[in-house]
Amino acid sequence: MKKHILIFFFIFWFSVCQLFAQKISQDTLPDNHLLFTLNILNDRLEGANEYLEGFKISMDLSNQFLKNGLDINNLMSIVRNQEITGTVTYPNGRTTQITYEIVHHRETEEIYMKTSLGYFLWQNVVIQDDKLFFVINWWYCPPARKVDLETLKMTEQLLADATDWHKKDDRICENDIESNSWSLFCALKYASIKKMGEYNHHNTAMQTIRFVIDDLIPDHGFEHTLMDYNNLPSTEHKDILSVLTIAKERIIKEIKKTEK
């Protein structure tokens, strides 16, 4: 009897996986989610999103692992215990490195992809016919750290007085540094470099500010959220400080949760 139950469960689970792999597509996902399909290519997994022409993601793995066939548990174990890297390839051929890690997310372990574009969580991971399917939220926000709070505080200091802020952001920050007159974006970028030692366009401090603006102005249609909000005719200096205050409160709340 137990044997029959196990066989039934296996067939049911296999069918669910097949159904998921067949049904999930970019068309069924929210706009800020991207579906990637990776295939075995020599000693790596490599693939792309069907709508991002020329934009590729790879994951370097051992020949031995790939010869044994793809298995999600083995993949998780390797990422957990070894330094696994890969590359993002842009349409113009330029590349940037990926570092893969395991993170705890919503009471489970997930694969986490760290790049110069931002940090992205693999969701809805499915392996079928030696293909690896996963979804990333392009706006995923990495777990908050104290350095994110320090970055926001420094940004707030840079923009403390109305005379320290300007409404002509062009996302070129050299003039802001020279004149000590900052747009929201350039103040965040400068503070990120000073506090984190590097600049990541989707670090948690910057992402949290973007999310706050999204909440304040739903469906805003901004192409560059930080610049466009900064330059919006209705945005005043007090609004910039308010956005920073709300973002700090969110970061503090998240840090307290992780410290429990």
Protein backbone atom coordinates (compact mmCIF):
# COMPACT_ATOMS: atom_id res chain seq x y z
CA MET A 1 0.00 0.00 0.00
CA LYS A 2 2.76 2.42 0.98
CA LYS A 3 4.58 1.58 -2.25
CA HIS A 4 1.49 2.46 -4.30
CA ILE A 5 1.09 5.74 -2.43
CA LEU A 6 4.72 6.67 -3.08
CA ILE A 7 4.37 5.83 -6.79
CA PHE A 8 1.18 7.89 -7.00
CA PHE A 9 2.83 10.84 -5.24
CA PHE A 10 5.85 10.67 -7.55
CA ILE A 11 3.65 10.63 -10.67
CA PHE A 12 1.55 13.49 -9.30
CA TRP A 13 4.60 15.65 -8.44
CA PHE A 14 6.22 14.97 -11.81
CA SER A 15 3.00 16.01 -13.55
CA VAL A 16 2.83 19.22 -11.50
CA CYS A 17 6.41 20.07 -12.45
CA GLN A 18 5.68 19.42 -16.11
CA LEU A 19 2.53 21.52 -15.96
CA PHE A 20 4.41 24.38 -14.28
CA ALA A 21 7.20 24.32 -16.85
CA GLN A 22 4.69 24.30 -19.70
CA LYS A 23 2.41 27.01 -18.35
CA ILE A 24 4.85 29.53 -16.93
CA SER A 25 5.91 32.04 -19.52
CA GLN A 26 6.97 35.65 -19.64
CA ASP A 27 3.45 36.58 -20.74
CA THR A 28 1.96 35.23 -17.49
CA LEU A 29 4.37 37.11 -15.20
CA PRO A 30 4.20 40.67 -13.82
CA ASP A 31 6.18 43.23 -15.81
CA ASN A 32 8.93 43.40 -13.19
CA HIS A 33 9.54 39.61 -13.29
CA LEU A 34 11.73 37.92 -15.89
CA LEU A 35 11.76 34.22 -16.79
CA PHE A 36 15.15 32.76 -17.67
CA THR A 37 15.93 29.37 -19.21
CA LEU A 38 19.46 27.99 -18.77
CA ASN A 39 20.86 25.11 -20.82
CA ILE A 40 23.94 22.95 -20.30
CA LEU A 41 26.77 24.29 -22.45
CA ASN A 42 30.16 22.61 -21.93
CA ASP A 43 31.11 23.31 -18.30
CA ARG A 44 28.41 25.84 -17.54
CA LEU A 45 24.75 26.64 -17.58
CA GLU A 46 23.89 29.47 -19.92
CA GLY A 47 20.69 31.05 -21.12
CA ALA A 48 18.52 34.12 -21.46
CA ASN A 49 15.11 35.68 -21.23
CA GLU A 50 13.22 35.42 -24.49
CA TYR A 51 12.50 39.16 -24.59
CA LEU A 52 15.99 40.41 -23.69
CA GLU A 53 17.82 39.89 -26.94
CA GLY A 54 21.58 39.53 -26.46
CA PHE A 55 21.31 39.59 -22.67
CA LYS A 56 22.66 36.31 -21.21
CA ILE A 57 23.23 34.77 -17.79
CA SER A 58 25.67 31.95 -17.06
CA MET A 59 26.63 29.77 -14.11
CA ASP A 60 30.00 27.99 -14.04
CA LEU A 61 29.80 24.42 -12.73
CA SER A 62 32.01 21.35 -12.74
CA ASN A 63 31.83 18.85 -15.59
CA GLN A 64 31.17 16.11 -13.05
CA PHE A 65 28.10 17.88 -11.72
CA LEU A 66 26.69 18.48 -15.18
CA LYS A 67 27.40 14.91 -16.32
CA ASN A 68 25.27 13.62 -13.45
CA GLY A 69 22.36 15.65 -14.74
CA LEU A 70 20.70 18.69 -13.22
CA ASP A 71 19.27 18.26 -9.76
CA ILE A 72 17.99 21.16 -7.66
CA ASN A 73 19.12 19.69 -4.33
CA ASN A 74 22.64 19.08 -5.61
CA LEU A 75 22.71 22.54 -7.14
CA MET A 76 21.70 24.14 -3.85
CA SER A 77 24.36 22.13 -2.02
CA ILE A 78 27.11 23.20 -4.42
CA VAL A 79 26.16 26.88 -4.20
CA ARG A 80 25.98 26.59 -0.41
CA ASN A 81 29.42 24.98 -0.03
CA GLN A 82 31.47 26.28 -2.96
CA GLU A 83 32.25 29.62 -4.55
CA ILE A 84 30.11 29.55 -7.68
CA THR A 85 30.38 32.38 -10.20
CA GLY A 86 29.14 33.22 -13.66
CA THR A 87 28.68 36.16 -15.98
CA VAL A 88 26.05 38.54 -17.24
CA THR A 89 26.61 39.33 -20.91
CA TYR A 90 25.14 42.55 -22.30
CA PRO A 91 23.88 42.95 -25.88
CA ASN A 92 27.06 44.91 -26.74
CA GLY A 93 29.23 42.00 -25.55
CA ARG A 94 30.34 43.58 -22.27
CA THR A 95 30.27 41.26 -19.28
CA THR A 96 30.06 41.56 -15.51
CA GLN A 97 30.59 38.84 -12.92
CA ILE A 98 27.87 37.05 -11.01
CA THR A 99 28.44 35.61 -7.54
CA TYR A 100 25.93 32.98 -6.44
CA GLU A 101 24.96 32.53 -2.80
CA ILE A 102 22.25 30.86 -0.72
CA VAL A 103 20.00 33.16 1.31
CA HIS A 104 17.07 32.54 3.64
CA HIS A 105 13.93 34.01 2.13
CA ARG A 106 10.41 33.55 3.49
CA GLU A 107 11.46 30.67 5.73
CA THR A 108 13.21 28.75 2.97
CA GLU A 109 16.56 28.73 1.19
CA GLU A 110 16.89 30.27 -2.26
CA ILE A 111 19.67 30.96 -4.74
CA TYR A 112 20.78 34.57 -4.76
CA MET A 113 22.52 36.19 -7.73
CA LYS A 114 24.80 39.17 -6.97
CA THR A 115 25.78 41.37 -9.92
CA SER A 116 26.76 44.96 -10.64
CA LEU A 117 23.20 45.42 -11.94
CA GLY A 118 21.80 44.46 -8.58
CA TYR A 119 21.08 41.46 -6.38
CA PHE A 120 18.43 39.02 -7.59
CA LEU A 121 16.63 36.11 -5.99
CA TRP A 122 15.85 33.00 -8.05
CA GLN A 123 12.16 32.17 -7.70
CA ASN A 124 9.97 29.34 -9.05
CA VAL A 125 13.01 27.21 -9.88
CA VAL A 126 12.15 24.18 -12.02
CA ILE A 127 14.42 21.65 -13.75
CA GLN A 128 13.07 19.73 -16.70
CA ASP A 129 14.77 17.94 -19.60
CA ASP A 130 18.19 19.26 -18.48
CA LYS A 131 16.91 22.81 -18.62
CA LEU A 132 16.82 25.12 -15.61
CA PHE A 133 13.92 27.57 -15.39
CA PHE A 134 13.80 30.40 -12.85
CA VAL A 135 12.18 33.78 -12.40
CA ILE A 136 13.82 36.91 -11.02
CA ASN A 137 12.10 40.00 -9.75
CA TRP A 138 14.03 42.80 -11.45
CA TRP A 139 13.15 45.06 -8.53
CA TYR A 140 14.10 42.59 -5.82
CA CYS A 141 15.52 44.33 -2.76
CA PRO A 142 18.38 42.59 -0.88
CA PRO A 143 18.02 42.07 2.89
CA ALA A 144 18.61 45.30 4.83
CA ARG A 145 21.91 45.85 6.64
CA LYS A 146 23.15 48.53 8.99
CA VAL A 147 25.29 49.94 6.18
CA ASP A 148 22.10 50.67 4.24
CA LEU A 149 20.84 52.76 7.13
CA GLU A 150 24.21 54.53 7.33
CA THR A 151 23.96 55.27 3.61
CA LEU A 152 20.52 56.84 4.01
CA LYS A 153 21.69 58.90 6.97
CA MET A 154 24.64 60.25 4.99
CA THR A 155 22.32 61.03 2.08
CA GLU A 156 20.07 62.92 4.48
CA GLN A 157 23.08 64.91 5.74
CA LEU A 158 24.09 65.82 2.19
CA LEU A 159 20.55 67.07 1.49
CA ALA A 160 19.88 68.53 4.95
CA ASP A 161 19.41 72.13 3.81
CA ALA A 162 17.29 73.28 0.88
CA THR A 163 20.36 75.02 -0.55
CA ASP A 164 22.12 71.63 -0.72
CA TRP A 165 19.51 70.23 -3.11
CA HIS A 166 18.85 70.91 -6.80
CA LYS A 167 16.07 69.88 -9.21
CA LYS A 168 18.19 69.43 -12.33
CA ASP A 169 19.32 65.83 -12.02
CA ASP A 170 20.91 64.39 -15.16
CA ARG A 171 22.36 61.31 -13.38
CA ILE A 172 25.87 62.65 -13.99
CA CYS A 173 27.19 63.30 -10.50
CA GLU A 174 30.59 64.94 -10.96
CA ASN A 175 29.09 68.45 -10.84
CA ASP A 176 27.13 67.60 -7.70
CA ILE A 177 30.33 66.54 -5.95
CA GLU A 178 32.23 69.65 -7.09
CA SER A 179 29.46 72.10 -6.16
CA ASN A 180 28.22 70.22 -3.06
CA SER A 181 24.72 70.67 -4.45
CA TRP A 182 22.95 67.34 -4.79
CA SER A 183 20.10 65.65 -6.54
CA LEU A 184 18.49 62.73 -4.69
CA PHE A 185 20.10 60.19 -7.00
CA CYS A 186 23.61 61.65 -6.83
CA ALA A 187 23.49 62.04 -3.05
CA LEU A 188 22.46 58.38 -2.73
CA LYS A 189 25.13 57.26 -5.17
CA TYR A 190 27.87 59.23 -3.43
CA ALA A 191 26.78 58.00 0.03
CA SER A 192 26.63 54.41 -1.24
CA ILE A 193 30.22 54.56 -2.46
CA LYS A 194 31.44 56.18 0.74
CA LYS A 195 29.64 53.79 3.09
CA MET A 196 29.71 50.54 1.10
CA GLY A 197 33.00 50.94 -0.75
CA GLU A 198 31.26 50.29 -4.06
CA TYR A 199 28.29 51.42 -6.11
CA ASN A 200 25.45 49.05 -6.87
CA HIS A 201 22.53 50.62 -8.72
CA HIS A 202 20.07 48.31 -6.94
CA ASN A 203 21.49 48.31 -3.42
CA THR A 204 18.94 48.14 -0.60
CA ALA A 205 19.18 51.81 0.33
CA MET A 206 18.43 52.94 -3.22
CA GLN A 207 15.81 50.27 -3.83
CA THR A 208 13.96 51.22 -0.63
CA ILE A 209 13.79 54.86 -1.77
CA ARG A 210 12.40 53.71 -5.12
CA PHE A 211 9.77 51.61 -3.37
CA VAL A 212 8.75 54.54 -1.15
CA ILE A 213 8.30 56.71 -4.25
CA ASP A 214 6.29 53.91 -5.91
CA ASP A 215 3.97 53.89 -2.88
CA LEU A 216 3.60 57.68 -2.85
CA ILE A 217 2.94 57.96 -6.58
CA PRO A 218 1.42 54.70 -7.87
CA ASP A 219 1.64 54.15 -11.63
CA HIS A 220 3.97 57.13 -11.97
CA GLY A 221 5.54 55.84 -15.19
CA PHE A 222 8.99 57.19 -14.31
CA GLU A 223 11.79 55.83 -16.47
CA HIS A 224 14.41 56.68 -13.84
CA THR A 225 12.53 56.80 -10.55
CA LEU A 226 15.05 58.75 -8.47
CA MET A 227 15.86 61.33 -11.14
CA ASP A 228 12.27 61.79 -12.32
CA TYR A 229 10.89 62.19 -8.79
CA ASN A 230 13.66 64.64 -7.94
CA ASN A 231 12.92 66.73 -11.05
CA LEU A 232 9.12 66.55 -10.80
CA PRO A 233 7.77 70.14 -10.69
CA SER A 234 5.66 69.35 -7.63
CA THR A 235 8.55 67.83 -5.62
CA GLU A 236 9.83 70.13 -2.88
CA HIS A 237 12.83 69.84 -0.57
CA LYS A 238 10.58 68.69 2.28
CA ASP A 239 9.35 65.82 0.07
CA ILE A 240 12.92 64.61 -0.50
CA LEU A 241 13.55 64.57 3.26
CA SER A 242 10.22 62.84 3.88
CA VAL A 243 11.07 60.06 1.42
CA LEU A 244 14.40 59.54 3.17
CA THR A 245 12.71 59.44 6.59
CA ILE A 246 10.20 56.80 5.46
CA ALA A 247 12.99 54.73 3.88
CA LYS A 248 15.04 54.87 7.08
CA GLU A 249 12.05 53.71 9.11
CA ARG A 250 11.58 50.74 6.78
CA ILE A 251 15.25 49.79 6.96
CA ILE A 252 15.26 50.05 10.78
CA LYS A 253 12.14 47.87 11.00
CA GLU A 254 13.62 45.21 8.73
CA ILE A 255 16.95 45.14 10.59
CA LYS A 256 15.11 44.69 13.91
CA LYS A 257 13.22 41.72 12.46
CA THR A 258 16.41 39.96 11.37
CA GLU A 259 18.08 40.59 14.73
CA LYS A 260 15.33 38.81 16.70
